[in-house]
N, C-alpha and C. Protein backbone atom coordinates (compact mmCIF):
# COMPACT_ATOMS: atom_id res chain seq x y z
N MET A 1 -8.14 -17.08 -1.61
CA MET A 1 -7.07 -17.44 -0.78
C MET A 1 -7.11 -18.92 -0.32
N THR A 2 -5.84 -19.48 -0.72
CA THR A 2 -5.99 -21.03 -0.24
C THR A 2 -5.21 -20.98 1.08
N ILE A 3 -5.75 -21.45 2.28
CA ILE A 3 -5.08 -21.85 3.57
C ILE A 3 -4.03 -22.93 3.44
N MET A 4 -2.79 -22.98 3.72
CA MET A 4 -1.93 -24.24 3.78
C MET A 4 -1.64 -24.40 5.21
N GLU A 5 -1.15 -25.51 5.79
CA GLU A 5 -0.75 -26.02 6.84
C GLU A 5 0.33 -24.82 7.43
N SER A 6 -0.19 -24.54 8.72
CA SER A 6 0.82 -23.47 9.46
C SER A 6 2.01 -24.12 10.02
N ARG A 7 3.26 -23.45 10.20
CA ARG A 7 4.48 -24.36 10.88
C ARG A 7 5.18 -22.95 11.21
N PRO A 8 5.98 -23.11 12.29
CA PRO A 8 6.65 -22.25 12.63
C PRO A 8 7.86 -21.96 11.80
N ARG A 9 8.43 -20.47 11.44
CA ARG A 9 9.44 -20.06 10.79
C ARG A 9 10.38 -19.32 11.11
N THR A 10 11.57 -19.38 11.07
CA THR A 10 12.53 -18.36 11.51
C THR A 10 12.61 -17.24 10.81
N THR A 11 12.70 -15.96 11.40
CA THR A 11 12.61 -14.78 10.42
C THR A 11 13.79 -14.41 10.58
N ALA A 12 14.49 -14.17 9.29
CA ALA A 12 15.83 -13.39 9.02
C ALA A 12 15.96 -12.13 9.69
N ALA A 13 14.94 -11.33 9.70
CA ALA A 13 15.08 -9.96 10.31
C ALA A 13 15.31 -9.89 11.54
N LEU A 14 14.58 -10.82 12.25
CA LEU A 14 14.65 -10.71 13.56
C LEU A 14 15.51 -11.79 14.61
N GLY A 15 15.62 -12.96 13.74
CA GLY A 15 16.48 -13.93 14.40
C GLY A 15 15.56 -14.80 15.41
N ARG A 16 14.27 -14.70 15.40
CA ARG A 16 13.53 -15.36 16.31
C ARG A 16 12.44 -16.06 15.59
N VAL A 17 11.90 -17.11 16.26
CA VAL A 17 10.67 -17.90 15.72
C VAL A 17 9.58 -17.11 15.74
N VAL A 18 8.66 -17.00 14.57
CA VAL A 18 7.46 -16.45 14.53
C VAL A 18 6.50 -17.65 13.79
N ARG A 19 5.46 -17.66 14.74
CA ARG A 19 4.43 -18.74 14.60
C ARG A 19 3.08 -18.00 13.93
N PRO A 20 2.98 -18.16 12.63
CA PRO A 20 1.79 -17.65 12.09
C PRO A 20 0.41 -18.21 12.48
N VAL A 21 -0.69 -17.33 12.19
CA VAL A 21 -1.83 -18.01 12.80
C VAL A 21 -2.23 -18.89 11.50
N GLN A 22 -1.84 -18.48 10.42
CA GLN A 22 -1.94 -19.45 9.32
C GLN A 22 -1.14 -18.92 7.88
N THR A 23 -0.69 -19.82 7.21
CA THR A 23 0.04 -19.53 5.98
C THR A 23 -1.06 -19.53 4.93
N THR A 24 -0.87 -18.87 3.98
CA THR A 24 -1.80 -18.49 2.65
C THR A 24 -0.98 -18.43 1.42
N THR A 25 -1.64 -18.85 0.54
CA THR A 25 -0.97 -18.90 -0.92
C THR A 25 -2.00 -17.82 -1.85
N PRO A 26 -1.21 -16.66 -2.35
CA PRO A 26 -2.08 -15.75 -2.54
C PRO A 26 -2.90 -16.13 -3.96
N THR A 27 -4.44 -15.65 -3.96
CA THR A 27 -4.94 -16.02 -5.35
C THR A 27 -4.59 -15.19 -6.63
N SER A 28 -5.00 -15.73 -7.67
CA SER A 28 -4.87 -14.72 -8.83
C SER A 28 -5.73 -13.37 -8.82
N ALA A 29 -6.95 -13.45 -7.96
CA ALA A 29 -7.71 -12.37 -7.81
C ALA A 29 -7.11 -11.44 -6.99
N PHE A 30 -6.31 -11.87 -5.90
CA PHE A 30 -5.80 -10.78 -5.18
C PHE A 30 -4.35 -10.19 -5.73
N ARG A 31 -3.54 -11.16 -6.36
CA ARG A 31 -2.51 -10.58 -7.24
C ARG A 31 -2.85 -9.53 -8.23
N ASP A 32 -4.21 -9.97 -8.98
CA ASP A 32 -4.70 -8.90 -10.07
C ASP A 32 -4.88 -7.43 -9.25
N VAL A 33 -5.86 -7.51 -8.05
CA VAL A 33 -6.31 -6.31 -7.44
C VAL A 33 -5.09 -5.64 -7.01
N MET A 34 -4.14 -6.26 -6.62
CA MET A 34 -2.66 -5.33 -6.34
C MET A 34 -2.08 -4.82 -7.42
N ALA A 35 -1.89 -5.77 -8.48
CA ALA A 35 -1.31 -4.95 -9.68
C ALA A 35 -1.83 -3.85 -10.58
N ASN A 36 -3.38 -3.69 -10.19
CA ASN A 36 -4.23 -2.66 -10.58
C ASN A 36 -3.87 -1.40 -9.98
N MET A 37 -3.37 -1.63 -8.55
CA MET A 37 -3.22 -0.28 -7.81
C MET A 37 -1.84 0.44 -8.09
N ALA A 38 -1.66 1.79 -8.44
CA ALA A 38 -0.67 2.50 -8.94
C ALA A 38 -0.03 2.56 -7.41
N ALA A 39 1.50 2.37 -7.78
CA ALA A 39 2.34 2.50 -6.75
C ALA A 39 3.66 3.41 -7.40
N PRO A 40 4.40 4.11 -6.34
CA PRO A 40 5.78 4.68 -6.72
C PRO A 40 6.62 3.54 -6.77
N VAL A 41 7.71 3.80 -7.60
CA VAL A 41 8.63 2.97 -7.76
C VAL A 41 10.00 3.63 -7.36
N SER A 42 10.56 2.79 -6.39
CA SER A 42 11.99 3.37 -6.03
C SER A 42 12.90 2.25 -5.60
N VAL A 43 14.16 2.66 -5.55
CA VAL A 43 15.17 1.59 -5.52
C VAL A 43 15.80 2.08 -4.23
N ILE A 44 15.76 0.95 -3.17
CA ILE A 44 16.47 1.22 -1.75
C ILE A 44 17.69 0.72 -2.09
N THR A 45 18.82 1.32 -1.50
CA THR A 45 20.29 1.08 -1.54
C THR A 45 20.85 1.25 -0.27
N SER A 46 21.85 0.36 -0.17
CA SER A 46 22.61 0.59 1.26
C SER A 46 24.31 -0.10 0.66
N ALA A 47 25.10 0.28 1.38
CA ALA A 47 26.40 -0.09 0.95
C ALA A 47 27.14 -0.70 2.25
N LEU A 48 27.97 -1.63 2.22
CA LEU A 48 28.81 -2.29 3.35
C LEU A 48 30.34 -2.16 2.74
N ASP A 49 31.24 -1.59 3.47
CA ASP A 49 32.57 -1.41 3.09
C ASP A 49 32.54 -0.90 1.70
N GLY A 50 31.84 0.15 1.30
CA GLY A 50 31.84 0.74 0.08
C GLY A 50 31.06 -0.22 -1.06
N VAL A 51 30.61 -1.14 -0.94
CA VAL A 51 30.10 -1.90 -1.90
C VAL A 51 28.65 -2.02 -1.81
N GLY A 52 28.12 -1.40 -3.15
CA GLY A 52 26.74 -0.95 -2.91
C GLY A 52 25.86 -2.19 -3.18
N SER A 53 24.43 -2.24 -2.54
CA SER A 53 23.51 -3.16 -2.79
C SER A 53 22.22 -2.36 -2.84
N GLY A 54 21.46 -3.13 -3.79
CA GLY A 54 19.94 -2.19 -4.11
C GLY A 54 18.84 -3.03 -4.52
N ALA A 55 17.61 -2.71 -4.25
CA ALA A 55 16.70 -3.82 -4.78
C ALA A 55 15.38 -2.74 -5.13
N THR A 56 14.73 -2.89 -6.23
CA THR A 56 13.52 -2.15 -6.72
C THR A 56 12.55 -2.46 -5.89
N VAL A 57 11.53 -1.48 -5.23
CA VAL A 57 10.34 -1.72 -4.73
C VAL A 57 9.43 -0.78 -4.92
N SER A 58 7.94 -1.05 -4.76
CA SER A 58 6.71 -0.42 -4.81
C SER A 58 6.28 -0.11 -3.81
N ALA A 59 6.56 -0.88 -2.57
CA ALA A 59 6.05 -1.00 -1.23
C ALA A 59 6.31 0.00 -0.22
N LEU A 60 6.29 1.21 -0.38
CA LEU A 60 6.86 2.38 0.26
C LEU A 60 5.90 3.46 0.63
N MET A 61 6.24 3.93 1.78
CA MET A 61 5.13 5.01 2.29
C MET A 61 5.99 5.76 3.42
N SER A 62 5.25 7.01 3.47
CA SER A 62 5.49 7.93 4.49
C SER A 62 5.10 7.55 5.53
N LEU A 63 5.48 7.53 6.84
CA LEU A 63 4.67 7.02 8.12
C LEU A 63 4.58 8.30 8.97
N SER A 64 5.34 9.24 9.27
CA SER A 64 5.25 10.06 10.03
C SER A 64 6.13 11.30 9.71
N MET A 65 5.57 12.51 10.04
CA MET A 65 5.86 14.01 9.62
C MET A 65 6.76 14.66 10.93
N ASP A 66 6.51 14.13 11.92
CA ASP A 66 7.24 14.62 13.21
C ASP A 66 7.44 13.09 14.31
N PRO A 67 8.48 12.43 14.13
CA PRO A 67 9.48 12.93 13.38
C PRO A 67 9.39 12.31 12.09
N GLU A 68 9.99 12.85 11.12
CA GLU A 68 10.09 12.32 9.69
C GLU A 68 10.43 10.79 9.47
N MET A 69 9.58 10.10 8.91
CA MET A 69 9.75 8.74 8.90
C MET A 69 9.23 8.00 7.48
N ILE A 70 9.76 6.93 7.31
CA ILE A 70 9.24 6.18 5.98
C ILE A 70 9.15 4.78 6.46
N VAL A 71 8.28 3.87 5.46
CA VAL A 71 8.41 2.55 5.88
C VAL A 71 8.42 1.78 4.30
N VAL A 72 9.54 0.81 4.28
CA VAL A 72 9.58 0.07 3.02
C VAL A 72 9.64 -1.33 3.23
N ALA A 73 8.93 -2.02 2.40
CA ALA A 73 8.74 -3.51 2.71
C ALA A 73 9.87 -4.15 1.64
N LEU A 74 10.55 -5.05 2.13
CA LEU A 74 11.91 -5.88 1.41
C LEU A 74 11.56 -7.19 1.58
N ASP A 75 11.62 -8.05 0.55
CA ASP A 75 11.71 -9.65 0.62
C ASP A 75 12.69 -10.13 1.53
N ARG A 76 12.30 -11.04 2.35
CA ARG A 76 13.04 -11.73 3.38
C ARG A 76 14.23 -12.14 2.92
N ARG A 77 14.43 -12.46 1.57
CA ARG A 77 15.75 -13.25 1.16
C ARG A 77 16.46 -12.05 0.53
N SER A 78 16.10 -10.91 0.62
CA SER A 78 16.87 -9.75 -0.15
C SER A 78 18.20 -9.55 0.27
N THR A 79 19.28 -9.49 -0.49
CA THR A 79 20.65 -9.30 -0.04
C THR A 79 20.80 -7.69 0.19
N THR A 80 20.08 -6.88 -0.05
CA THR A 80 19.97 -5.47 0.22
C THR A 80 19.49 -5.27 1.75
N LEU A 81 18.40 -6.18 2.25
CA LEU A 81 17.95 -6.28 3.54
C LEU A 81 19.12 -6.67 4.58
N ALA A 82 19.89 -7.80 3.92
CA ALA A 82 20.86 -8.29 4.97
C ALA A 82 22.06 -6.93 5.08
N VAL A 83 22.20 -6.15 4.07
CA VAL A 83 23.12 -5.04 4.30
C VAL A 83 22.76 -4.12 4.97
N ILE A 84 21.43 -3.69 5.03
CA ILE A 84 20.67 -2.80 6.09
C ILE A 84 20.79 -3.09 7.17
N GLN A 85 20.59 -4.59 7.67
CA GLN A 85 20.54 -4.98 8.91
C GLN A 85 21.85 -4.94 9.49
N ARG A 86 22.74 -4.68 8.78
CA ARG A 86 24.19 -4.85 9.34
C ARG A 86 24.72 -3.29 9.31
N THR A 87 24.24 -2.33 8.17
CA THR A 87 24.55 -0.81 8.60
C THR A 87 23.60 -0.22 9.16
N ARG A 88 22.77 -0.43 9.22
CA ARG A 88 21.37 0.38 10.14
C ARG A 88 21.30 1.53 9.21
N ARG A 89 21.53 1.74 7.72
CA ARG A 89 21.37 2.98 6.87
C ARG A 89 20.61 2.35 5.79
N PHE A 90 19.95 3.25 4.87
CA PHE A 90 19.69 2.91 3.74
C PHE A 90 19.08 4.29 2.98
N GLY A 91 19.22 4.10 1.57
CA GLY A 91 18.57 5.26 0.67
C GLY A 91 17.59 4.90 -0.08
N VAL A 92 16.65 5.95 -0.34
CA VAL A 92 15.22 5.68 -1.11
C VAL A 92 15.47 6.55 -2.24
N ASN A 93 15.86 6.06 -3.66
CA ASN A 93 15.79 6.69 -4.78
C ASN A 93 14.61 6.42 -5.53
N ILE A 94 13.93 7.70 -5.50
CA ILE A 94 12.73 7.64 -6.30
C ILE A 94 12.60 7.91 -7.58
N LEU A 95 12.62 6.90 -8.39
CA LEU A 95 12.98 6.89 -9.77
C LEU A 95 12.00 7.80 -10.56
N ALA A 96 12.67 8.35 -11.54
CA ALA A 96 11.75 9.38 -12.58
C ALA A 96 11.22 8.39 -13.67
N ALA A 97 10.25 9.12 -14.35
CA ALA A 97 9.58 8.27 -15.20
C ALA A 97 10.30 7.69 -16.40
N ASP A 98 11.46 8.07 -16.62
CA ASP A 98 12.28 7.64 -17.79
C ASP A 98 13.08 6.53 -17.12
N GLN A 99 13.16 6.19 -15.92
CA GLN A 99 14.26 5.24 -15.70
C GLN A 99 13.60 3.79 -15.42
N SER A 100 12.99 3.34 -16.20
CA SER A 100 12.42 2.05 -16.27
C SER A 100 13.58 0.81 -16.13
N ASP A 101 14.77 1.40 -17.14
CA ASP A 101 16.01 0.64 -17.08
C ASP A 101 16.71 0.25 -15.98
N VAL A 102 16.71 1.47 -15.07
CA VAL A 102 17.15 1.45 -13.79
C VAL A 102 16.32 0.57 -12.59
N ALA A 103 14.83 0.67 -13.24
CA ALA A 103 13.93 -0.10 -12.05
C ALA A 103 14.33 -1.78 -12.52
N LEU A 104 14.68 -2.01 -13.87
CA LEU A 104 14.80 -3.45 -14.24
C LEU A 104 15.88 -4.14 -13.74
N ALA A 105 16.86 -3.11 -13.77
CA ALA A 105 18.54 -3.61 -13.38
C ALA A 105 18.28 -3.91 -11.79
N PHE A 106 17.67 -3.31 -11.07
CA PHE A 106 17.60 -3.48 -9.61
C PHE A 106 16.75 -4.43 -9.17
N ALA A 107 15.68 -4.85 -10.02
CA ALA A 107 14.74 -5.93 -9.79
C ALA A 107 15.50 -7.03 -10.34
N SER A 108 16.74 -7.28 -10.78
CA SER A 108 17.11 -8.30 -11.36
C SER A 108 18.13 -9.16 -10.30
N LYS A 109 18.63 -10.40 -10.45
CA LYS A 109 19.54 -10.91 -9.65
C LYS A 109 20.97 -10.76 -9.91
N LYS A 110 21.22 -10.17 -10.88
CA LYS A 110 22.64 -9.87 -11.07
C LYS A 110 23.64 -9.34 -10.15
N ASP A 111 24.64 -9.71 -10.31
CA ASP A 111 25.69 -9.23 -9.04
C ASP A 111 25.67 -7.96 -8.93
N ASP A 112 26.43 -7.11 -10.14
CA ASP A 112 26.64 -5.70 -9.99
C ASP A 112 25.39 -4.92 -10.58
N LYS A 113 24.59 -4.45 -9.71
CA LYS A 113 23.63 -3.54 -10.19
C LYS A 113 23.87 -2.35 -10.82
N PHE A 114 24.92 -1.83 -9.97
CA PHE A 114 25.27 -0.50 -10.23
C PHE A 114 26.07 -0.27 -11.59
N ALA A 115 26.35 -1.43 -12.31
CA ALA A 115 27.05 -1.23 -13.35
C ALA A 115 26.63 -0.52 -14.58
N GLY A 116 27.27 0.76 -14.86
CA GLY A 116 27.02 1.27 -15.83
C GLY A 116 25.88 2.49 -15.52
N LEU A 117 25.51 2.76 -14.40
CA LEU A 117 24.56 3.53 -13.68
C LEU A 117 25.36 4.79 -12.95
N GLY A 118 24.90 6.01 -13.34
CA GLY A 118 25.67 6.88 -12.37
C GLY A 118 25.13 6.64 -11.07
N HIS A 119 26.11 6.84 -10.11
CA HIS A 119 26.00 7.14 -8.85
C HIS A 119 26.96 7.36 -7.80
N VAL A 120 26.70 8.06 -6.75
CA VAL A 120 27.72 8.47 -5.67
C VAL A 120 27.21 7.95 -4.25
N LEU A 121 28.31 7.67 -3.31
CA LEU A 121 28.22 7.58 -2.06
C LEU A 121 27.92 8.80 -1.64
N GLU A 122 26.80 9.11 -0.71
CA GLU A 122 26.23 10.14 -0.17
C GLU A 122 26.39 9.65 1.38
N SER A 123 27.26 9.99 2.15
CA SER A 123 27.55 9.53 3.47
C SER A 123 27.49 8.12 3.85
N GLY A 124 27.80 7.46 2.65
CA GLY A 124 28.27 6.05 2.73
C GLY A 124 26.89 5.23 2.25
N VAL A 125 26.06 6.12 1.64
CA VAL A 125 24.91 5.45 1.17
C VAL A 125 24.70 5.55 -0.27
N PRO A 126 24.49 4.69 -1.29
CA PRO A 126 24.38 4.76 -2.76
C PRO A 126 23.32 5.83 -3.06
N ARG A 127 23.61 6.74 -3.67
CA ARG A 127 22.40 7.55 -4.32
C ARG A 127 22.59 7.67 -5.95
N LEU A 128 21.63 7.21 -6.43
CA LEU A 128 21.43 7.08 -8.02
C LEU A 128 21.31 8.41 -8.47
N GLN A 129 21.64 8.69 -9.86
CA GLN A 129 21.79 9.83 -10.46
C GLN A 129 20.59 9.94 -11.28
N GLY A 130 19.73 11.34 -11.45
CA GLY A 130 18.56 11.20 -12.30
C GLY A 130 17.29 10.93 -11.74
N THR A 131 17.30 10.92 -10.52
CA THR A 131 15.98 10.34 -9.69
C THR A 131 15.05 11.60 -9.45
N SER A 132 13.70 11.35 -9.25
CA SER A 132 12.84 12.50 -9.01
C SER A 132 12.88 12.81 -7.49
N GLY A 133 13.75 11.98 -6.60
CA GLY A 133 13.71 12.39 -5.41
C GLY A 133 14.20 11.41 -4.78
N TRP A 134 15.04 11.78 -3.47
CA TRP A 134 16.41 11.13 -2.58
C TRP A 134 15.82 11.22 -1.14
N VAL A 135 15.95 9.94 -0.44
CA VAL A 135 15.81 10.18 0.94
C VAL A 135 16.76 9.07 1.63
N ARG A 136 17.49 9.59 2.53
CA ARG A 136 18.55 8.93 3.25
C ARG A 136 18.06 8.72 4.64
N CYS A 137 18.25 7.40 5.10
CA CYS A 137 17.52 7.23 6.24
C CYS A 137 18.31 6.15 7.41
N THR A 138 18.29 6.31 8.77
CA THR A 138 18.64 5.35 9.53
C THR A 138 17.58 4.36 10.03
N VAL A 139 17.88 3.24 10.22
CA VAL A 139 16.80 2.09 10.61
C VAL A 139 16.29 2.57 12.15
N GLU A 140 14.88 2.71 12.13
CA GLU A 140 14.36 2.86 13.58
C GLU A 140 13.78 1.68 13.98
N ARG A 141 13.57 0.60 13.14
CA ARG A 141 12.65 -0.54 13.62
C ARG A 141 12.86 -1.54 12.32
N ILE A 142 13.00 -2.86 12.51
CA ILE A 142 12.71 -3.83 11.40
C ILE A 142 11.86 -4.67 12.21
N GLN A 143 10.54 -5.06 11.16
CA GLN A 143 9.65 -6.32 11.85
C GLN A 143 9.17 -6.92 10.72
N PRO A 144 8.76 -8.17 11.04
CA PRO A 144 8.23 -9.17 9.66
C PRO A 144 6.92 -8.82 9.45
N GLY A 145 6.38 -9.16 8.11
CA GLY A 145 5.25 -8.73 7.58
C GLY A 145 5.15 -9.71 6.49
N GLY A 146 4.68 -11.06 6.91
CA GLY A 146 4.59 -12.02 5.81
C GLY A 146 5.66 -12.38 5.07
N ASP A 147 5.94 -12.78 3.89
CA ASP A 147 6.97 -12.90 3.14
C ASP A 147 7.81 -12.01 3.06
N HIS A 148 7.64 -10.79 3.58
CA HIS A 148 8.66 -9.36 3.52
C HIS A 148 8.81 -9.04 4.96
N VAL A 149 9.81 -7.94 4.91
CA VAL A 149 10.11 -7.42 6.40
C VAL A 149 9.82 -5.77 6.09
N LEU A 150 9.37 -5.13 7.12
CA LEU A 150 8.97 -4.05 7.27
C LEU A 150 10.18 -3.17 7.69
N VAL A 151 10.86 -2.15 6.96
CA VAL A 151 11.96 -1.47 7.61
C VAL A 151 11.35 -0.10 7.77
N SER A 152 11.51 0.43 9.04
CA SER A 152 10.93 1.92 9.25
C SER A 152 12.42 2.66 9.46
N GLY A 153 12.41 3.61 8.84
CA GLY A 153 13.61 4.54 8.77
C GLY A 153 13.36 5.89 9.34
N LEU A 154 14.09 6.60 10.12
CA LEU A 154 14.23 8.06 10.49
C LEU A 154 14.80 8.66 9.36
N VAL A 155 14.24 9.80 8.87
CA VAL A 155 14.83 10.69 7.90
C VAL A 155 15.90 11.47 8.11
N GLU A 156 17.10 11.52 7.57
CA GLU A 156 18.45 12.19 7.67
C GLU A 156 18.28 13.27 6.79
N THR A 157 18.09 12.99 5.57
CA THR A 157 17.80 14.14 4.46
C THR A 157 17.02 13.82 3.29
N SER A 158 16.40 14.66 2.62
CA SER A 158 15.55 14.55 1.50
C SER A 158 15.74 15.38 0.74
N PHE A 159 15.67 15.05 -0.84
CA PHE A 159 15.69 15.94 -1.87
C PHE A 159 14.67 15.83 -2.99
N ARG A 160 14.25 16.82 -3.67
CA ARG A 160 13.06 16.59 -4.65
C ARG A 160 13.46 17.50 -5.96
N ASP A 161 13.38 16.59 -6.93
CA ASP A 161 13.90 17.24 -8.37
C ASP A 161 12.52 17.46 -8.67
N ALA A 162 12.13 18.78 -8.79
CA ALA A 162 10.60 19.38 -9.13
C ALA A 162 10.59 19.14 -10.90
N GLY A 163 11.64 18.95 -11.56
CA GLY A 163 11.80 18.84 -13.06
C GLY A 163 11.68 17.46 -13.40
N ARG A 164 11.60 16.63 -12.42
CA ARG A 164 11.58 14.85 -12.85
C ARG A 164 10.30 14.39 -12.14
N ALA A 165 9.68 13.95 -13.26
CA ALA A 165 8.15 13.27 -12.76
C ALA A 165 8.69 11.82 -12.17
N PRO A 166 7.69 11.57 -11.03
CA PRO A 166 8.22 10.38 -10.50
C PRO A 166 7.46 9.18 -11.17
N MET A 167 8.27 7.92 -11.34
CA MET A 167 7.67 6.78 -11.97
C MET A 167 6.60 6.06 -11.17
N THR A 168 5.62 5.49 -11.66
CA THR A 168 4.66 4.48 -10.90
C THR A 168 4.38 3.16 -11.66
N TYR A 169 4.34 2.27 -11.09
CA TYR A 169 3.75 0.77 -11.58
C TYR A 169 2.23 0.64 -11.19
N GLN A 170 1.53 0.27 -12.25
CA GLN A 170 0.24 0.18 -12.38
C GLN A 170 -0.14 -0.88 -13.48
N GLY A 171 -1.08 -1.75 -13.18
CA GLY A 171 -1.15 -2.78 -14.35
C GLY A 171 -0.08 -3.74 -15.02
N ARG A 172 0.96 -3.67 -13.91
CA ARG A 172 2.04 -4.48 -14.65
C ARG A 172 2.87 -3.62 -15.45
N THR A 173 2.86 -2.52 -15.40
CA THR A 173 3.42 -1.71 -16.60
C THR A 173 3.80 -0.07 -15.52
N PHE A 174 5.48 0.21 -16.10
CA PHE A 174 5.73 1.44 -15.59
C PHE A 174 4.89 2.56 -16.29
N GLY A 175 5.11 3.74 -15.58
CA GLY A 175 4.22 4.78 -15.95
C GLY A 175 4.53 6.15 -15.10
N THR A 176 3.70 6.99 -15.35
CA THR A 176 3.66 8.44 -14.23
C THR A 176 2.28 8.54 -14.11
N HIS A 177 2.04 9.65 -13.08
CA HIS A 177 0.54 10.06 -12.83
C HIS A 177 0.17 11.36 -13.98
N ARG A 178 -0.98 11.31 -14.34
CA ARG A 178 -1.22 12.26 -15.10
C ARG A 178 -2.62 12.93 -14.53
N PRO A 179 -2.48 14.23 -14.08
CA PRO A 179 -3.75 14.73 -13.36
C PRO A 179 -4.79 14.76 -14.37
N TYR A 180 -6.17 14.91 -13.71
CA TYR A 180 -7.12 14.79 -14.87
C TYR A 180 -8.18 16.25 -14.31
């Protein structure tokens, strides 16, 4: 880890100045360790005035069972984060193992990431077709986390398609879990 000069930054998520103890540049060793860790692949979606926005993420976890809550990390510059901040609602589309094209589409910077992909608006939140799971949330809290923002959501509804294995990302490659 390389320590760089510390300076105040304004956080987009909270609209206030955050003064980090130190700003660091990740080393290649840290990046390699994180890349080797298997993670689920999901597309976080939201919509404003019927226009969908989405981003591929691998930083997602369940937070609580009572109440049911999840946490997702989004890049501070994410247009999807900006929509979530306005609407206070989002969807977690847990991708199936055969949806690498969907993961790549929502990881891109193109304007219409939904083009050519089956989806519906479920209670105003875009839900992708063919996923292995779906969770719709209302925002409980948004807080800074380095170059990302942590969004905690209260679960409104959830669905699992037991016939569709979830996608994982490990070693910079898409795959799925295999029991041994």
